[in-house]
C-alpha atoms as a PDB file:
ATOM      1  CA  MET A   1      27.814  -3.834  -1.731  1.00  0.00           C
ATOM      2  CA  ALA A   2      26.026  -6.779  -3.284  1.00  0.00           C
ATOM      3  CA  ARG A   3      22.336  -6.512  -3.958  1.00  0.00           C
ATOM      4  CA  ARG A   4      20.077  -8.729  -1.906  1.00  0.00           C
ATOM      5  CA  PRO A   5      19.020 -11.577  -4.183  1.00  0.00           C
ATOM      6  CA  PHE A   6      15.328 -12.122  -4.877  1.00  0.00           C
ATOM      7  CA  THR A   7      15.183 -15.566  -3.294  1.00  0.00           C
ATOM      8  CA  LEU A   8      12.065 -15.950  -1.225  1.00  0.00           C
ATOM      9  CA  ALA A   9      11.770 -19.598  -0.316  1.00  0.00           C
ATOM     10  CA  ALA A  10      12.616 -19.139   3.339  1.00  0.00           C
ATOM     11  CA  SER A  11      10.509 -16.034   3.938  1.00  0.00           C
ATOM     12  CA  THR A  12       7.611 -17.465   2.023  1.00  0.00           C
ATOM     13  CA  ALA A  13       7.715 -20.736   3.949  1.00  0.00           C
ATOM     14  CA  VAL A  14       7.687 -18.968   7.287  1.00  0.00           C
ATOM     15  CA  ALA A  15       4.914 -16.614   6.221  1.00  0.00           C
ATOM     16  CA  ALA A  16       2.834 -19.477   4.874  1.00  0.00           C
ATOM     17  CA  ALA A  17       3.174 -21.469   8.069  1.00  0.00           C
ATOM     18  CA  ALA A  18       2.086 -18.467  10.152  1.00  0.00           C
ATOM     19  CA  LEU A  19      -0.802 -17.864   7.783  1.00  0.00           C
ATOM     20  CA  ALA A  20      -2.068 -21.428   7.926  1.00  0.00           C
ATOM     21  CA  ALA A  21      -1.864 -21.548  11.724  1.00  0.00           C
ATOM     22  CA  SER A  22      -3.666 -18.287  12.281  1.00  0.00           C
ATOM     23  CA  PHE A  23      -6.326 -18.123   9.552  1.00  0.00           C
ATOM     24  CA  ALA A  24      -8.598 -20.649  11.089  1.00  0.00           C
ATOM     25  CA  THR A  25      -8.694 -18.887  14.411  1.00  0.00           C
ATOM     26  CA  HIS A  26      -8.686 -15.261  13.427  1.00  0.00           C
ATOM     27  CA  ALA A  27      -9.986 -14.876   9.874  1.00  0.00           C
ATOM     28  CA  SER A  28     -13.606 -14.640  11.002  1.00  0.00           C
ATOM     29  CA  ALA A  29     -12.835 -11.474  12.951  1.00  0.00           C
ATOM     30  CA  GLN A  30     -11.058  -9.980   9.901  1.00  0.00           C
ATOM     31  CA  GLU A  31      -8.563  -8.266  12.162  1.00  0.00           C
ATOM     32  CA  PHE A  32      -4.966  -8.409  10.980  1.00  0.00           C
ATOM     33  CA  ARG A  33      -1.809  -6.334  10.582  1.00  0.00           C
ATOM     34  CA  ILE A  34       0.825  -5.689   7.963  1.00  0.00           C
ATOM     35  CA  GLU A  35       4.305  -4.411   8.863  1.00  0.00           C
ATOM     36  CA  THR A  36       6.032  -2.875   5.855  1.00  0.00           C
ATOM     37  CA  ASP A  37       9.621  -1.832   5.181  1.00  0.00           C
ATOM     38  CA  VAL A  38      10.763  -0.185   1.945  1.00  0.00           C
ATOM     39  CA  PHE A  39      14.328  -0.378   0.624  1.00  0.00           C
ATOM     40  CA  ILE A  40      15.738   1.832  -2.145  1.00  0.00           C
ATOM     41  CA  GLY A  41      18.300   0.469  -4.541  1.00  0.00           C
ATOM     42  CA  GLU A  42      21.068  -1.412  -2.793  1.00  0.00           C
ATOM     43  CA  GLU A  43      20.448   0.142   0.613  1.00  0.00           C
ATOM     44  CA  GLU A  44      20.116  -2.334   3.486  1.00  0.00           C
ATOM     45  CA  THR A  45      18.464   0.180   5.806  1.00  0.00           C
ATOM     46  CA  SER A  46      14.814   0.755   5.137  1.00  0.00           C
ATOM     47  CA  ALA A  47      13.762   4.143   3.782  1.00  0.00           C
ATOM     48  CA  SER A  48      10.344   3.903   5.392  1.00  0.00           C
ATOM     49  CA  HIS A  49       8.531   1.766   7.935  1.00  0.00           C
ATOM     50  CA  SER A  50       4.808   1.523   8.489  1.00  0.00           C
ATOM     51  CA  VAL A  51       2.288  -0.609  10.363  1.00  0.00           C
ATOM     52  CA  THR A  52      -1.184  -1.147   8.923  1.00  0.00           C
ATOM     53  CA  LEU A  53      -3.887  -2.366  11.268  1.00  0.00           C
ATOM     54  CA  PHE A  54      -7.154  -3.793   9.987  1.00  0.00           C
ATOM     55  CA  GLU A  55      -9.626  -3.610  12.835  1.00  0.00           C
ATOM     56  CA  LYS A  56     -13.293  -4.569  12.619  1.00  0.00           C
ATOM     57  CA  SER A  57     -14.628  -1.435  10.919  1.00  0.00           C
ATOM     58  CA  ALA A  58     -11.638   0.566   9.634  1.00  0.00           C
ATOM     59  CA  VAL A  59      -7.990   0.411   8.542  1.00  0.00           C
ATOM     60  CA  TYR A  60      -5.315   2.439  10.272  1.00  0.00           C
ATOM     61  CA  GLU A  61      -1.859   3.035   8.718  1.00  0.00           C
ATOM     62  CA  PHE A  62       0.842   4.376  10.996  1.00  0.00           C
ATOM     63  CA  ASN A  63       3.796   5.925   9.111  1.00  0.00           C
ATOM     64  CA  GLU A  64       7.010   6.907  10.820  1.00  0.00           C
ATOM     65  CA  ASN A  65       8.406   9.281   8.203  1.00  0.00           C
ATOM     66  CA  PRO A  66       6.527  11.551   7.936  1.00  0.00           C
ATOM     67  CA  GLY A  67       4.831  11.063  11.287  1.00  0.00           C
ATOM     68  CA  GLU A  68       1.222  10.469  10.292  1.00  0.00           C
ATOM     69  CA  ILE A  69      -1.760   8.222  10.625  1.00  0.00           C
ATOM     70  CA  ILE A  70      -4.070   7.492   7.712  1.00  0.00           C
ATOM     71  CA  VAL A  71      -7.470   6.050   8.509  1.00  0.00           C
ATOM     72  CA  TYR A  72      -9.618   4.350   5.863  1.00  0.00           C
ATOM     73  CA  ARG A  73     -13.327   3.867   6.448  1.00  0.00           C
ATOM     74  CA  PRO A  74     -15.033   1.825   3.739  1.00  0.00           C
ATOM     75  CA  GLY A  75     -18.397   3.013   2.565  1.00  0.00           C
ATOM     76  CA  ASP A  76     -21.652   1.533   3.746  1.00  0.00           C
ATOM     77  CA  GLU A  77     -25.336   2.394   3.417  1.00  0.00           C
ATOM     78  CA  GLY A  78     -25.664   6.166   3.381  1.00  0.00           C
ATOM     79  CA  ARG A  79     -21.974   6.845   3.987  1.00  0.00           C
ATOM     80  CA  PRO A  80     -19.292   7.082   1.231  1.00  0.00           C
ATOM     81  CA  ALA A  81     -15.847   5.646   1.681  1.00  0.00           C
ATOM     82  CA  GLN A  82     -13.348   8.135   3.066  1.00  0.00           C
ATOM     83  CA  PHE A  83      -9.795   8.646   4.306  1.00  0.00           C
ATOM     84  CA  ILE A  84      -8.866  10.684   7.371  1.00  0.00           C
ATOM     85  CA  LEU A  85      -5.323  12.047   7.432  1.00  0.00           C
ATOM     86  CA  LEU A  86      -3.736  12.896  10.754  1.00  0.00           C
ATOM     87  CA  ASP A  87      -0.532  14.940  10.915  1.00  0.00           C
ATOM     88  CA  LEU A  88       1.179  14.276  14.216  1.00  0.00           C
ATOM     89  CA  ALA A  89       3.498  17.303  14.101  1.00  0.00           C
ATOM     90  CA  SER A  90       0.816  19.929  13.419  1.00  0.00           C
ATOM     91  CA  GLN A  91      -1.941  18.015  15.203  1.00  0.00           C
ATOM     92  CA  GLN A  92      -4.233  18.582  12.256  1.00  0.00           C
ATOM     93  CA  ARG A  93      -6.614  16.312  10.408  1.00  0.00           C
ATOM     94  CA  THR A  94      -8.387  16.401   7.079  1.00  0.00           C
ATOM     95  CA  ASP A  95     -11.109  14.199   5.618  1.00  0.00           C
ATOM     96  CA  VAL A  96     -10.797  13.037   1.987  1.00  0.00           C
ATOM     97  CA  GLU A  97     -13.721  11.476   0.219  1.00  0.00           C
ATOM     98  CA  ALA A  98     -12.603   8.387  -1.726  1.00  0.00           C
ATOM     99  CA  ASP A  99     -14.856   9.384  -4.649  1.00  0.00           C
ATOM    100  CA  ARG A 100     -12.920  12.653  -4.950  1.00  0.00           C
ATOM    101  CA  VAL A 101      -9.660  10.700  -5.230  1.00  0.00           C
ATOM    102  CA  GLU A 102     -11.229   8.531  -7.945  1.00  0.00           C
ATOM    103  CA  LYS A 103     -12.170  11.532 -10.015  1.00  0.00           C
ATOM    104  CA  LEU A 104      -8.709  13.040  -9.672  1.00  0.00           C
ATOM    105  CA  MET A 105      -7.131   9.761 -10.817  1.00  0.00           C
ATOM    106  CA  GLY A 106      -9.334   9.777 -13.933  1.00  0.00           C
ATOM    107  CA  LYS A 107      -8.170  13.278 -14.832  1.00  0.00           C
ATOM    108  CA  LEU A 108      -4.547  12.345 -14.101  1.00  0.00           C
ATOM    109  CA  SER A 109      -4.720   9.339 -16.405  1.00  0.00           C
ATOM    110  CA  GLN A 110      -6.178  11.444 -19.194  1.00  0.00           C
ATOM    111  CA  TRP A 111      -3.333  13.912 -18.868  1.00  0.00           C
ATOM    112  CA  ALA A 112      -0.663  11.185 -18.739  1.00  0.00           C
ATOM    113  CA  ALA A 113      -2.010   9.331 -21.769  1.00  0.00           C
ATOM    114  CA  SER A 114      -0.646  12.022 -24.112  1.00  0.00           C
ATOM    115  CA  HIS A 115       2.507  12.841 -22.145  1.00  0.00           C
ATOM    116  CA  LYS A 116       5.882  12.864 -23.898  1.00  0.00           C
ATOM    117  CA  ASP A 117       7.609  10.895 -21.141  1.00  0.00           C
ATOM    118  CA  PRO A 118       7.155   7.209 -22.058  1.00  0.00           C
ATOM    119  CA  LEU A 119       7.085   6.091 -18.413  1.00  0.00           C
ATOM    120  CA  ILE A 120       4.327   8.536 -17.506  1.00  0.00           C
ATOM    121  CA  GLN A 121       2.378   7.601 -20.636  1.00  0.00           C
ATOM    122  CA  PHE A 122       2.763   3.923 -19.793  1.00  0.00           C
ATOM    123  CA  SER A 123       1.409   4.488 -16.279  1.00  0.00           C
ATOM    124  CA  ALA A 124      -1.872   5.787 -17.714  1.00  0.00           C
ATOM    125  CA  ALA A 125      -2.783   2.474 -19.342  1.00  0.00           C
ATOM    126  CA  PRO A 126      -0.074  -0.129 -18.560  1.00  0.00           C
ATOM    127  CA  LYS A 127       0.217  -3.436 -20.429  1.00  0.00           C
ATOM    128  CA  PHE A 128       2.243  -6.174 -18.780  1.00  0.00           C
ATOM    129  CA  ASP A 129       3.341  -9.686 -19.617  1.00  0.00           C
ATOM    130  CA  GLU A 130       2.203 -11.721 -16.607  1.00  0.00           C
ATOM    131  CA  SER A 131       3.550 -14.963 -15.253  1.00  0.00           C
ATOM    132  CA  TYR A 132       2.713 -16.790 -12.016  1.00  0.00           C
ATOM    133  CA  ASP A 133       4.527 -19.792 -10.626  1.00  0.00           C
ATOM    134  CA  GLN A 134       2.019 -21.495  -8.395  1.00  0.00           C
ATOM    135  CA  GLN A 135       4.633 -23.727  -6.766  1.00  0.00           C
ATOM    136  CA  SER A 136       6.956 -20.934  -5.671  1.00  0.00           C
ATOM    137  CA  GLY A 137       4.279 -18.243  -5.431  1.00  0.00           C
ATOM    138  CA  VAL A 138       6.321 -15.764  -7.511  1.00  0.00           C
ATOM    139  CA  LEU A 139       4.220 -13.371  -9.574  1.00  0.00           C
ATOM    140  CA  THR A 140       5.909 -11.317 -12.334  1.00  0.00           C
ATOM    141  CA  LEU A 141       4.497  -8.444 -14.331  1.00  0.00           C
ATOM    142  CA  SER A 142       7.014  -7.319 -16.906  1.00  0.00           C
ATOM    143  CA  SER A 143       7.386  -4.650 -19.578  1.00  0.00           C
ATOM    144  CA  PRO A 144      10.263  -2.574 -20.964  1.00  0.00           C
ATOM    145  CA  GLN A 145       9.035   0.410 -18.909  1.00  0.00           C
ATOM    146  CA  TRP A 146       8.061  -1.159 -15.606  1.00  0.00           C
ATOM    147  CA  THR A 147       8.467  -4.547 -13.925  1.00  0.00           C
ATOM    148  CA  TYR A 148       7.174  -6.089 -10.711  1.00  0.00           C
ATOM    149  CA  LYS A 149       8.341  -9.307  -9.149  1.00  0.00           C
ATOM    150  CA  ALA A 150       6.371 -10.340  -6.098  1.00  0.00           C
ATOM    151  CA  ALA A 151       6.724 -13.219  -3.654  1.00  0.00           C
ATOM    152  CA  THR A 152       3.246 -14.270  -2.504  1.00  0.00           C
ATOM    153  CA  ILE A 153       1.362 -16.553  -0.224  1.00  0.00           C
ATOM    154  CA  GLU A 154      -2.158 -17.890  -0.678  1.00  0.00           C
ATOM    155  CA  ALA A 155      -4.939 -16.175   1.144  1.00  0.00           C
ATOM    156  CA  GLU A 156      -7.220 -18.943   2.377  1.00  0.00           C
ATOM    157  CA  ASP A 157     -10.072 -16.634   3.487  1.00  0.00           C
ATOM    158  CA  ALA A 158     -11.838 -14.821   0.648  1.00  0.00           C
ATOM    159  CA  ALA A 159     -13.391 -12.160   2.904  1.00  0.00           C
ATOM    160  CA  VAL A 160     -10.013 -11.116   4.300  1.00  0.00           C
ATOM    161  CA  LEU A 161      -8.508 -11.000   0.804  1.00  0.00           C
ATOM    162  CA  GLU A 162     -11.378  -8.881  -0.436  1.00  0.00           C
ATOM    163  CA  ARG A 163     -10.938  -6.439   2.412  1.00  0.00           C
ATOM    164  CA  TYR A 164      -7.202  -6.212   1.778  1.00  0.00           C
ATOM    165  CA  GLN A 165      -7.783  -5.596  -1.938  1.00  0.00           C
ATOM    166  CA  ASP A 166     -10.359  -2.854  -1.296  1.00  0.00           C
ATOM    167  CA  PHE A 167      -7.931  -1.005   0.943  1.00  0.00           C
ATOM    168  CA  ILE A 168      -4.823  -1.420  -1.191  1.00  0.00           C
ATOM    169  CA  ASP A 169      -6.568  -0.110  -4.318  1.00  0.00           C
ATOM    170  CA  ARG A 170      -7.954   2.907  -2.502  1.00  0.00           C
ATOM    171  CA  TYR A 171      -4.653   3.573  -0.737  1.00  0.00           C
ATOM    172  CA  THR A 172      -2.663   3.350  -3.943  1.00  0.00           C
ATOM    173  CA  LYS A 173      -4.782   6.100  -5.435  1.00  0.00           C
ATOM    174  CA  LEU A 174      -4.630   8.253  -2.312  1.00  0.00           C
ATOM    175  CA  SER A 175      -0.819   8.000  -2.186  1.00  0.00           C
ATOM    176  CA  THR A 176      -0.626   9.017  -5.839  1.00  0.00           C
ATOM    177  CA  MET A 177      -2.601  12.165  -4.990  1.00  0.00           C
ATOM    178  CA  LEU A 178      -0.529  12.992  -1.928  1.00  0.00           C
ATOM    179  CA  GLN A 179       2.795  12.459  -3.637  1.00  0.00           C
ATOM    180  CA  ASN A 180       1.888  14.179  -6.920  1.00  0.00           C
ATOM    181  CA  ALA A 181       3.049  10.985  -8.620  1.00  0.00           C
ATOM    182  CA  PRO A 182       2.259   9.500 -12.073  1.00  0.00           C
ATOM    183  CA  PRO A 183      -1.039   7.568 -12.446  1.00  0.00           C
ATOM    184  CA  PRO A 184      -1.328   4.450 -10.285  1.00  0.00           C
ATOM    185  CA  GLY A 185      -2.062   2.135 -13.224  1.00  0.00           C
ATOM    186  CA  PRO A 186       0.994  -0.136 -12.780  1.00  0.00           C
ATOM    187  CA  ARG A 187       0.384  -0.811  -9.085  1.00  0.00           C
ATOM    188  CA  LEU A 188      -3.343  -1.279  -9.677  1.00  0.00           C
ATOM    189  CA  SER A 189      -2.450  -3.875 -12.335  1.00  0.00           C
ATOM    190  CA  LEU A 190      -0.340  -5.701  -9.732  1.00  0.00           C
ATOM    191  CA  ASN A 191      -3.210  -5.512  -7.232  1.00  0.00           C
ATOM    192  CA  ALA A 192      -5.584  -7.038  -9.771  1.00  0.00           C
ATOM    193  CA  ALA A 193      -3.146  -9.838 -10.533  1.00  0.00           C
ATOM    194  CA  LEU A 194      -2.770 -10.629  -6.836  1.00  0.00           C
ATOM    195  CA  ALA A 195      -6.558 -10.815  -6.541  1.00  0.00           C
ATOM    196  CA  ARG A 196      -6.919 -13.090  -9.572  1.00  0.00           C
ATOM    197  CA  HIS A 197      -4.515 -15.571  -8.054  1.00  0.00           C
ATOM    198  CA  GLY A 198      -5.974 -15.306  -4.527  1.00  0.00           C
ATOM    199  CA  VAL A 199      -2.674 -14.279  -2.967  1.00  0.00           C
ATOM    200  CA  VAL A 200      -1.127 -11.520  -0.855  1.00  0.00           C
ATOM    201  CA  PRO A 201       2.450 -10.201  -1.254  1.00  0.00           C
ATOM    202  CA  VAL A 202       5.237 -10.811   1.256  1.00  0.00           C
ATOM    203  CA  GLU A 203       7.815  -9.061  -0.884  1.00  0.00           C
ATOM    204  CA  ILE A 204       7.597  -6.824  -3.960  1.00  0.00           C
ATOM    205  CA  GLN A 205      10.444  -5.626  -6.126  1.00  0.00           C
ATOM    206  CA  ARG A 206       9.804  -2.875  -8.646  1.00  0.00           C
ATOM    207  CA  THR A 207      12.127  -1.660 -11.398  1.00  0.00           C
ATOM    208  CA  THR A 208      11.452   1.081 -13.945  1.00  0.00           C
ATOM    209  CA  GLY A 209      13.066   1.788 -17.308  1.00  0.00           C
ATOM    210  CA  GLY A 210      14.811  -1.588 -17.315  1.00  0.00           C
ATOM    211  CA  ASP A 211      17.405  -0.304 -14.818  1.00  0.00           C
ATOM    212  CA  ASP A 212      17.949  -2.404 -11.669  1.00  0.00           C
ATOM    213  CA  LYS A 213      19.569   0.640 -10.036  1.00  0.00           C
ATOM    214  CA  ASN A 214      16.060   2.073  -9.854  1.00  0.00           C
ATOM    215  CA  ALA A 215      14.802  -0.910  -7.938  1.00  0.00           C
ATOM    216  CA  VAL A 216      12.523  -0.406  -4.933  1.00  0.00           C
ATOM    217  CA  ARG A 217      11.869  -3.394  -2.662  1.00  0.00           C
ATOM    218  CA  ALA A 218       9.062  -3.615  -0.130  1.00  0.00           C
ATOM    219  CA  THR A 219       8.684  -6.401   2.458  1.00  0.00           C
ATOM    220  CA  HIS A 220       5.290  -7.098   4.030  1.00  0.00           C
ATOM    221  CA  LEU A 221       4.963  -9.115   7.188  1.00  0.00           C
ATOM    222  CA  PHE A 222       1.360 -10.261   7.681  1.00  0.00           C
ATOM    223  CA  SER A 223       0.085 -11.204  11.124  1.00  0.00           C
ATOM    224  CA  TRP A 224      -3.520 -12.354  11.718  1.00  0.00           C
ATOM    225  CA  ARG A 225      -3.740 -11.144  15.316  1.00  0.00           C
ATOM    226  CA  LEU A 226      -3.643  -7.611  16.770  1.00  0.00           C
ATOM    227  CA  SER A 227      -1.283  -7.275  19.738  1.00  0.00           C
ATOM    228  CA  ARG A 228      -1.725  -5.234  22.897  1.00  0.00           C
ATOM    229  CA  GLU A 229       0.619  -2.641  21.389  1.00  0.00           C
ATOM    230  CA  ASP A 230      -1.651  -2.534  18.329  1.00  0.00           C
ATOM    231  CA  ARG A 231      -4.735  -1.984  20.490  1.00  0.00           C
ATOM    232  CA  ALA A 232      -2.910   0.863  22.267  1.00  0.00           C
ATOM    233  CA  ARG A 233      -2.037   2.454  18.897  1.00  0.00           C
ATOM    234  CA  LEU A 234      -5.699   2.285  17.913  1.00  0.00           C
ATOM    235  CA  ASP A 235      -6.809   3.875  21.184  1.00  0.00           C
ATOM    236  CA  GLU A 236      -4.301   6.702  20.682  1.00  0.00           C
ATOM    237  CA  ALA A 237      -5.495   7.215  17.120  1.00  0.00           C
ATOM    238  CA  GLN A 238      -9.046   7.570  18.363  1.00  0.00           C
ATOM    239  CA  THR A 239      -7.896  10.329  20.722  1.00  0.00           C
ATOM    240  CA  PHE A 240      -6.172  12.110  17.867  1.00  0.00           C
ATOM    241  CA  LEU A 241      -9.305  11.839  15.717  1.00  0.00           C
ATOM    242  CA  ALA A 242     -11.315  13.533  18.435  1.00  0.00           C
ATOM    243  CA  ASN A 243      -8.835  16.255  19.315  1.00  0.00           C
ATOM    244  CA  PHE A 244      -6.887  17.289  16.212  1.00  0.00           C
ATOM    245  CA  GLU A 245      -7.879  20.523  14.448  1.00  0.00           C
ATOM    246  CA  LYS A 246      -9.840  19.821  11.292  1.00  0.00           C
ATOM    247  CA  VAL A 247      -8.695  21.684   8.155  1.00  0.00           C
ATOM    248  CA  ASP A 248      -9.652  21.500   4.486  1.00  0.00           C
ATOM    249  CA  ASN A 249      -7.798  19.227   2.060  1.00  0.00           C
ATOM    250  CA  GLU A 250      -5.953  21.992   0.214  1.00  0.00           C
ATOM    251  CA  ALA A 251      -4.478  23.549   3.370  1.00  0.00           C
ATOM    252  CA  PHE A 252      -3.482  20.187   4.746  1.00  0.00           C
ATOM    253  CA  ILE A 253      -1.767  18.993   1.561  1.00  0.00           C
ATOM    254  CA  ALA A 254      -0.069  22.343   0.939  1.00  0.00           C
ATOM    255  CA  ALA A 255       1.467  22.219   4.417  1.00  0.00           C
ATOM    256  CA  ARG A 256       2.764  18.697   3.749  1.00  0.00           C
ATOM    257  CA  THR A 257       4.269  19.689   0.417  1.00  0.00           C
ATOM    258  CA  GLN A 258       6.204  22.535   2.010  1.00  0.00           C
ATOM    259  CA  LYS A 259       7.772  20.527   4.808  1.00  0.00           C
ATOM    260  CA  ASP A 260       8.080  16.943   3.520  1.00  0.00           C
ATOM    261  CA  LYS A 261      10.672  15.370   1.254  1.00  0.00           C
ATOM    262  CA  PRO A 262       9.457  12.780  -1.251  1.00  0.00           C
ATOM    263  CA  VAL A 263       8.243   9.631   0.514  1.00  0.00           C
ATOM    264  CA  VAL A 264       8.144   6.110  -0.795  1.00  0.00           C
ATOM    265  CA  ARG A 265       5.248   4.186   0.711  1.00  0.00           C
ATOM    266  CA  GLY A 266       5.380   0.444   0.887  1.00  0.00           C
ATOM    267  CA  GLN A 267       1.700  -0.245   0.307  1.00  0.00           C
ATOM    268  CA  SER A 268       1.446   1.790  -2.868  1.00  0.00           C
ATOM    269  CA  ASN A 269       4.690   1.045  -4.796  1.00  0.00           C
END
């Protein structure tokens, strides 16, 4: 089966048109959604699907496999940033302080910096050659160990872009912790490059070790309006937050490790 070519003119044009039409009306509310599908190698069926909803005060990510909801609440005066993880099967929740994740990532990077595996060592302090084609919106970060190629569209509202960047950086680190993965340095480098150019990704392709067979492709569909279905999802999540049993982080993550197979998350690749 032929690999899907990385040609993004059509998808970028459609996304840009939707972005331009909706930013003026909806950016001030800073409510928007991202629908993400992740494809492994040459597979045409997505390995994972998620919907991320940015409502006025928090971000909610709804993952289908495993069935879970992850809530991100940014810090404000007197309250640190935190994640709340909701497991739909066990009806349990756990609260994870974002500062704790930051500390764990620091220790992980220190460990990886002296690792024998070159890919793990690279992830501790990655160095990329970066190129950005402003006309096409294609951003490339390349190295022998790890390469990203991203199709992007301009984010016309700085406040929305800042909110997206805060979430994606935090979420990248959380996913690293949950998946027991190498340090998140490569994806954080991509996040920083997106921020420098004032863009958001509509498609990201990642390869490691110079082998296209290891490619992972994530598509991101941005919409700057929450639908009635989205509002219903948020209402249901609020019910879960109130009713699920609260357990400590270690018990929650141990239970996930025992029952879950490895998961590739679109927001953190």
